[in-house]
Protein backbone atom coordinates (compact mmCIF):
# COMPACT_ATOMS: atom_id res chain seq x y z
CA MET A 1 9.53 3.77 -21.82
CA SER A 2 7.57 3.71 -24.93
CA GLN A 3 3.87 4.30 -24.96
CA LYS A 4 1.22 3.89 -27.45
CA VAL A 5 -1.95 5.49 -27.46
CA LEU A 6 -4.88 3.19 -27.60
CA LEU A 7 -7.51 5.90 -26.78
CA SER A 8 -7.56 9.81 -27.28
CA SER A 9 -9.47 12.19 -25.48
CA LYS A 10 -12.04 11.92 -28.12
CA GLU A 11 -12.54 8.08 -28.28
CA MET A 12 -12.69 8.33 -24.60
CA ALA A 13 -15.48 10.79 -24.42
CA ILE A 14 -17.39 8.88 -27.27
CA MET A 15 -17.39 5.23 -24.93
CA LEU A 16 -18.33 7.14 -21.48
CA GLN A 17 -21.31 8.17 -23.49
CA ARG A 18 -21.74 5.00 -25.08
CA LEU A 19 -21.29 2.96 -21.68
CA ALA A 20 -23.26 5.76 -19.74
CA CYS A 21 -26.21 4.98 -22.59
CA GLN A 22 -26.24 1.46 -21.76
CA LEU A 23 -26.05 1.83 -18.71
CA VAL A 24 -29.60 3.88 -19.11
CA GLU A 25 -30.67 1.05 -21.53
CA ASN A 26 -31.02 -1.70 -18.72
CA HIS A 27 -31.59 0.34 -15.01
CA ALA A 28 -33.90 3.01 -16.50
CA ASP A 29 -34.11 5.21 -13.72
CA PHE A 30 -31.84 3.98 -11.23
CA SER A 31 -34.41 3.69 -8.60
CA GLU A 32 -32.67 0.07 -7.81
CA THR A 33 -29.61 0.45 -8.64
CA VAL A 34 -26.39 1.77 -7.19
CA LEU A 35 -22.91 2.74 -8.71
CA ILE A 36 -19.96 1.92 -6.74
CA GLY A 37 -16.23 3.03 -7.91
CA ILE A 38 -13.24 0.88 -6.73
CA GLN A 39 -10.76 3.08 -5.09
CA PRO A 40 -8.70 4.63 -6.35
CA ARG A 41 -8.58 4.61 -10.33
CA GLY A 42 -12.49 3.82 -10.60
CA THR A 43 -13.43 6.78 -9.02
CA PHE A 44 -12.54 9.22 -12.01
CA LEU A 45 -14.25 6.94 -14.24
CA ALA A 46 -17.37 6.91 -11.54
CA ASN A 47 -17.41 10.43 -11.35
CA ARG A 48 -17.63 11.04 -15.39
CA ILE A 49 -20.27 8.16 -15.66
CA GLN A 50 -22.28 9.97 -12.78
CA LYS A 51 -22.24 13.45 -14.46
CA ILE A 52 -23.45 11.69 -18.04
CA LEU A 53 -26.15 10.34 -16.91
CA LEU A 54 -26.81 13.08 -14.20
CA GLU A 55 -26.60 15.82 -17.39
CA LYS A 56 -28.03 14.07 -20.40
CA TYR A 57 -30.24 11.59 -19.24
CA ALA A 58 -31.40 13.70 -16.28
CA ILE A 59 -31.28 10.66 -13.61
CA GLN A 60 -32.95 11.79 -10.80
CA ASN A 61 -31.56 10.32 -6.94
CA LEU A 62 -28.67 8.51 -8.45
CA LYS A 63 -26.75 6.74 -5.84
CA LEU A 64 -22.61 6.93 -6.16
CA GLY A 65 -20.38 5.69 -4.02
CA PHE A 66 -16.82 4.61 -3.62
CA LEU A 67 -14.89 1.30 -2.01
CA ASP A 68 -11.98 0.75 -1.11
CA ILE A 69 -10.90 -2.93 -1.35
CA THR A 70 -6.93 -2.14 -0.01
CA PHE A 71 -7.18 -4.64 3.08
CA PHE A 72 -9.65 -7.06 0.95
CA ARG A 73 -7.08 -8.23 -1.52
CA ASP A 74 -6.17 -11.58 -1.59
CA ASP A 75 -2.38 -10.18 -1.55
CA PHE A 76 -1.82 -7.15 0.79
CA LYS A 77 -0.12 -8.85 3.15
CA HIS A 78 2.59 -9.59 0.37
CA SER A 79 3.16 -5.91 -0.67
CA VAL A 80 7.25 -4.54 0.07
CA LYS A 81 6.15 -0.96 0.55
CA PRO A 82 3.42 -0.14 3.07
CA LEU A 83 -0.22 0.08 1.95
CA GLU A 84 -1.99 3.11 1.72
CA ALA A 85 -5.66 2.81 2.12
CA ASN A 86 -8.32 5.00 0.53
CA LYS A 87 -11.90 6.35 2.18
CA THR A 88 -14.94 4.22 1.48
CA GLN A 89 -17.70 6.34 1.00
CA ILE A 90 -21.28 4.84 0.52
CA ASP A 91 -23.45 6.67 2.45
CA PHE A 92 -26.55 4.29 1.34
CA LEU A 93 -27.32 0.19 2.31
CA VAL A 94 -26.91 -2.00 -0.65
CA GLU A 95 -29.38 -4.39 0.64
CA ASN A 96 -31.32 -5.71 -2.32
CA LYS A 97 -30.28 -3.38 -4.96
CA LYS A 98 -28.25 -3.68 -8.12
CA VAL A 99 -24.65 -2.81 -7.66
CA VAL A 100 -22.47 -1.25 -10.59
CA PHE A 101 -18.99 -1.75 -9.61
CA ILE A 102 -16.73 0.55 -11.61
CA ASP A 103 -13.06 0.63 -12.47
CA ASP A 104 -10.90 1.60 -15.11
CA VAL A 105 -8.86 -1.16 -15.98
CA LEU A 106 -9.81 -5.11 -15.58
CA TYR A 107 -6.62 -7.24 -15.22
CA THR A 108 -6.14 -10.17 -13.26
CA GLY A 109 -9.85 -9.65 -11.62
CA ARG A 110 -8.49 -9.53 -8.18
CA SER A 111 -9.34 -6.00 -7.35
CA ILE A 112 -13.34 -7.03 -8.21
CA ASN A 113 -12.85 -10.12 -6.21
CA ALA A 114 -11.75 -7.89 -3.44
CA ALA A 115 -14.50 -5.46 -3.99
CA LEU A 116 -17.35 -8.77 -4.00
CA THR A 117 -16.22 -9.11 -0.65
CA ALA A 118 -16.34 -5.45 0.47
CA ILE A 119 -19.28 -4.74 0.04
CA GLN A 120 -20.86 -7.06 1.46
CA SER A 121 -20.47 -5.11 4.79
CA PHE A 122 -23.00 -2.77 3.37
CA GLY A 123 -25.63 -4.86 2.68
CA ARG A 124 -26.51 -8.01 0.26
CA PRO A 125 -27.22 -6.36 -3.28
CA LYS A 126 -29.32 -8.15 -5.01
CA SER A 127 -27.42 -8.28 -8.05
CA VAL A 128 -23.67 -7.07 -9.10
CA GLU A 129 -22.13 -5.74 -12.99
CA LEU A 130 -19.25 -4.65 -13.76
CA LEU A 131 -18.83 -1.67 -15.93
CA THR A 132 -15.08 -1.23 -17.14
CA LEU A 133 -13.44 1.13 -19.48
CA ILE A 134 -10.41 -1.14 -20.28
CA ASP A 135 -10.99 -5.15 -20.45
CA ARG A 136 -7.54 -6.25 -20.89
CA ARG A 137 -9.03 -10.13 -21.25
CA PHE A 138 -6.45 -12.60 -21.56
CA SER A 139 -4.83 -11.83 -18.38
CA ARG A 140 -7.47 -13.15 -16.07
CA HIS A 141 -6.84 -15.05 -12.88
CA LEU A 142 -10.23 -15.68 -11.62
CA PRO A 143 -12.91 -15.73 -14.17
CA ILE A 144 -14.54 -12.17 -13.80
CA GLN A 145 -15.71 -10.56 -16.88
CA PRO A 146 -17.51 -7.39 -17.45
CA ASP A 147 -20.79 -6.31 -17.92
CA TYR A 148 -19.98 -3.11 -19.70
CA LYS A 149 -16.70 -3.01 -21.21
CA GLY A 150 -15.48 0.40 -23.19
CA LYS A 151 -12.58 -1.33 -25.04
CA GLN A 152 -10.69 -5.04 -24.78
CA VAL A 153 -7.39 -4.79 -24.77
CA ASP A 154 -4.73 -7.89 -25.63
CA ALA A 155 -1.23 -6.63 -23.76
CA ILE A 156 1.63 -8.86 -23.23
CA ASN A 157 2.34 -9.86 -19.83
CA ASN A 158 5.32 -6.80 -19.40
CA GLU A 159 2.91 -4.10 -21.18
CA LYS A 160 0.68 -2.09 -19.30
CA VAL A 161 -2.00 -0.09 -19.43
CA LYS A 162 -2.51 3.53 -18.07
CA VAL A 163 -5.20 5.57 -17.78
CA SER A 164 -4.79 9.19 -17.90
CA TRP A 165 -7.52 11.42 -16.50
CA VAL A 166 -7.79 15.43 -16.86
CA GLU A 167 -7.96 15.97 -13.49
CA THR A 168 -4.55 14.10 -11.97
CA GLN A 169 -2.68 13.85 -15.58
CA GLY A 170 -3.80 16.80 -17.36
CA GLU A 171 -5.55 14.88 -20.30
CA ASP A 172 -8.15 12.10 -20.90
CA ALA A 173 -6.06 8.93 -23.12
CA VAL A 174 -5.27 5.35 -21.98
CA PHE A 175 -2.00 4.39 -22.80
CA ILE A 176 -0.18 0.51 -23.24
CA ILE A 177 3.52 1.04 -22.15
C-alpha cells in the first residue's frame, strides 16, 4: 500500500496555528463559545487547538468537550463489526452558546450530521461551526461545509486520508493512501 505525504509535521504545526488564529478572530474571548472535539479522531485536533489558544493567545475559561456520535450515526446498524463507543465528556451546557465542532477529516458529512443530532442532548446551541484539518471536498453525501479548514484534498474514492498524531502514531503528518 503506497502513501503520499500531504502534510509534514512542520506544515501541520503552521496550519494549526492558522486555524487557532481564525478562531480568535471570530470568537475573541470565547466567553460565549465552546469547543467540541468529535470522538475519536477529532479529540487530538481539539486538544492541540485548545493548547494553542491557552498558551499563545491566553484565552481564559476556554471550554472544551468531547462528543461521542457512535449511536447517532445513520449507518451504525449496518456495521459488520461490533461498535465500540467512546466516552462523551461535556461538563457544561451548550444552551445559547456558539459551538465549534472539531474533527480531523470531513469526508461524507455523516459524522457531523450525527454530531448535530447528539449535541441536542446538551442544550440548543446559538450557532454551530465546523473546524476540520482536512476537507475532502468532492466526497460529500450531505450538504455540510467547514467554516475553518486546514487543507482541501481532492482524493479519488478509493484513496483514504490518514491523519497521524505524535500522541498515537509517533509523528504528526497527513497521508493519502
